[in-house]
Protein backbone atom coordinates (compact mmCIF):
# COMPACT_ATOMS: atom_id res chain seq x y z
CA MET A 1 3.57 6.62 4.65
CA LYS A 2 5.90 9.13 3.21
CA ALA A 3 7.68 8.58 -0.29
CA SER A 4 10.90 9.32 1.53
CA ASP A 5 10.65 6.28 3.39
CA LEU A 6 10.36 4.06 0.23
CA ARG A 7 13.24 5.20 -1.32
CA GLN A 8 15.26 3.80 1.51
CA LYS A 9 13.90 0.47 1.23
CA ASN A 10 15.14 -2.11 -0.94
CA GLU A 11 13.19 -4.42 -3.59
CA ALA A 12 12.16 -6.88 -1.01
CA GLU A 13 11.39 -4.69 1.56
CA LEU A 14 8.60 -3.07 -0.85
CA GLN A 15 7.36 -6.07 -2.19
CA LYS A 16 6.70 -7.35 1.49
CA GLU A 17 5.20 -3.73 1.91
CA LEU A 18 2.88 -4.07 -1.08
CA LEU A 19 1.49 -7.55 0.00
CA ASP A 20 0.93 -6.16 3.62
CA LEU A 21 -0.81 -3.36 2.03
CA ARG A 22 -3.29 -5.61 -0.22
CA ARG A 23 -4.18 -7.57 2.39
CA ALA A 24 -5.24 -4.64 4.65
CA GLN A 25 -7.17 -3.48 1.57
CA PHE A 26 -8.83 -6.89 1.54
CA SER A 27 -9.58 -6.38 4.83
CA LEU A 28 -11.08 -2.95 4.72
CA ARG A 29 -13.38 -3.97 2.07
CA MET A 30 -14.56 -7.01 3.84
CA GLN A 31 -15.52 -4.95 7.02
CA ALA A 32 -17.27 -2.24 4.31
CA ALA A 33 -19.34 -4.93 3.03
CA THR A 34 -20.57 -6.59 6.27
CA GLN A 35 -20.95 -2.61 7.48
CA GLN A 36 -18.35 -3.17 10.42
CA LEU A 37 -15.97 -0.16 8.75
CA SER A 38 -16.65 2.96 10.94
CA ASN A 39 -14.11 5.15 9.58
CA THR A 40 -14.17 4.83 5.38
CA SER A 41 -11.38 7.19 4.53
CA GLN A 42 -9.11 4.55 5.83
CA ILE A 43 -9.91 2.45 2.20
CA GLY A 44 -8.43 5.75 0.04
CA LYS A 45 -5.41 5.64 2.34
CA VAL A 46 -4.55 1.96 1.75
CA ARG A 47 -5.32 2.53 -2.39
CA LYS A 48 -2.76 5.70 -2.12
CA ASP A 49 0.03 3.69 -0.50
CA ILE A 50 -0.52 0.76 -2.59
CA ALA A 51 0.09 3.23 -5.48
CA ARG A 52 3.21 4.75 -3.87
CA VAL A 53 4.72 1.42 -3.26
CA LYS A 54 4.07 0.64 -6.70
CA THR A 55 5.56 3.85 -7.83
CA MET A 56 8.66 2.92 -6.12
CA GLN A 57 8.84 -0.42 -7.14
CA ARG A 58 8.76 0.99 -10.64
CA GLU A 59 11.22 3.79 -10.33
CA LYS A 60 13.99 1.15 -9.02
CA ALA A 61 13.37 -0.92 -11.86
CA THR A 62 13.71 1.74 -14.40
CA ALA A 63 16.88 2.93 -12.73
CA LYS A 64 18.79 -0.09 -13.34
C-alpha cells in the first residue's frame, strides 16, 4: 500500500481501511500463535500499513 493511494481516500475510507488492517493483523497473530503462518514477514508489512493509515488520518485531521 502506498501513501499516495491513501492520500486520495477520505476519512471514512481510511477508517474502513484501518479496521480491515487490524482484522488482518489479528488473523496473522492467531496464525503465528498456532504455527500456521508460513510467511512471518506479513505481520511487519501489516503493522507498517496500519502506521501509514494512522499517519494519513492525522495529516487530514491537522489540515482542517
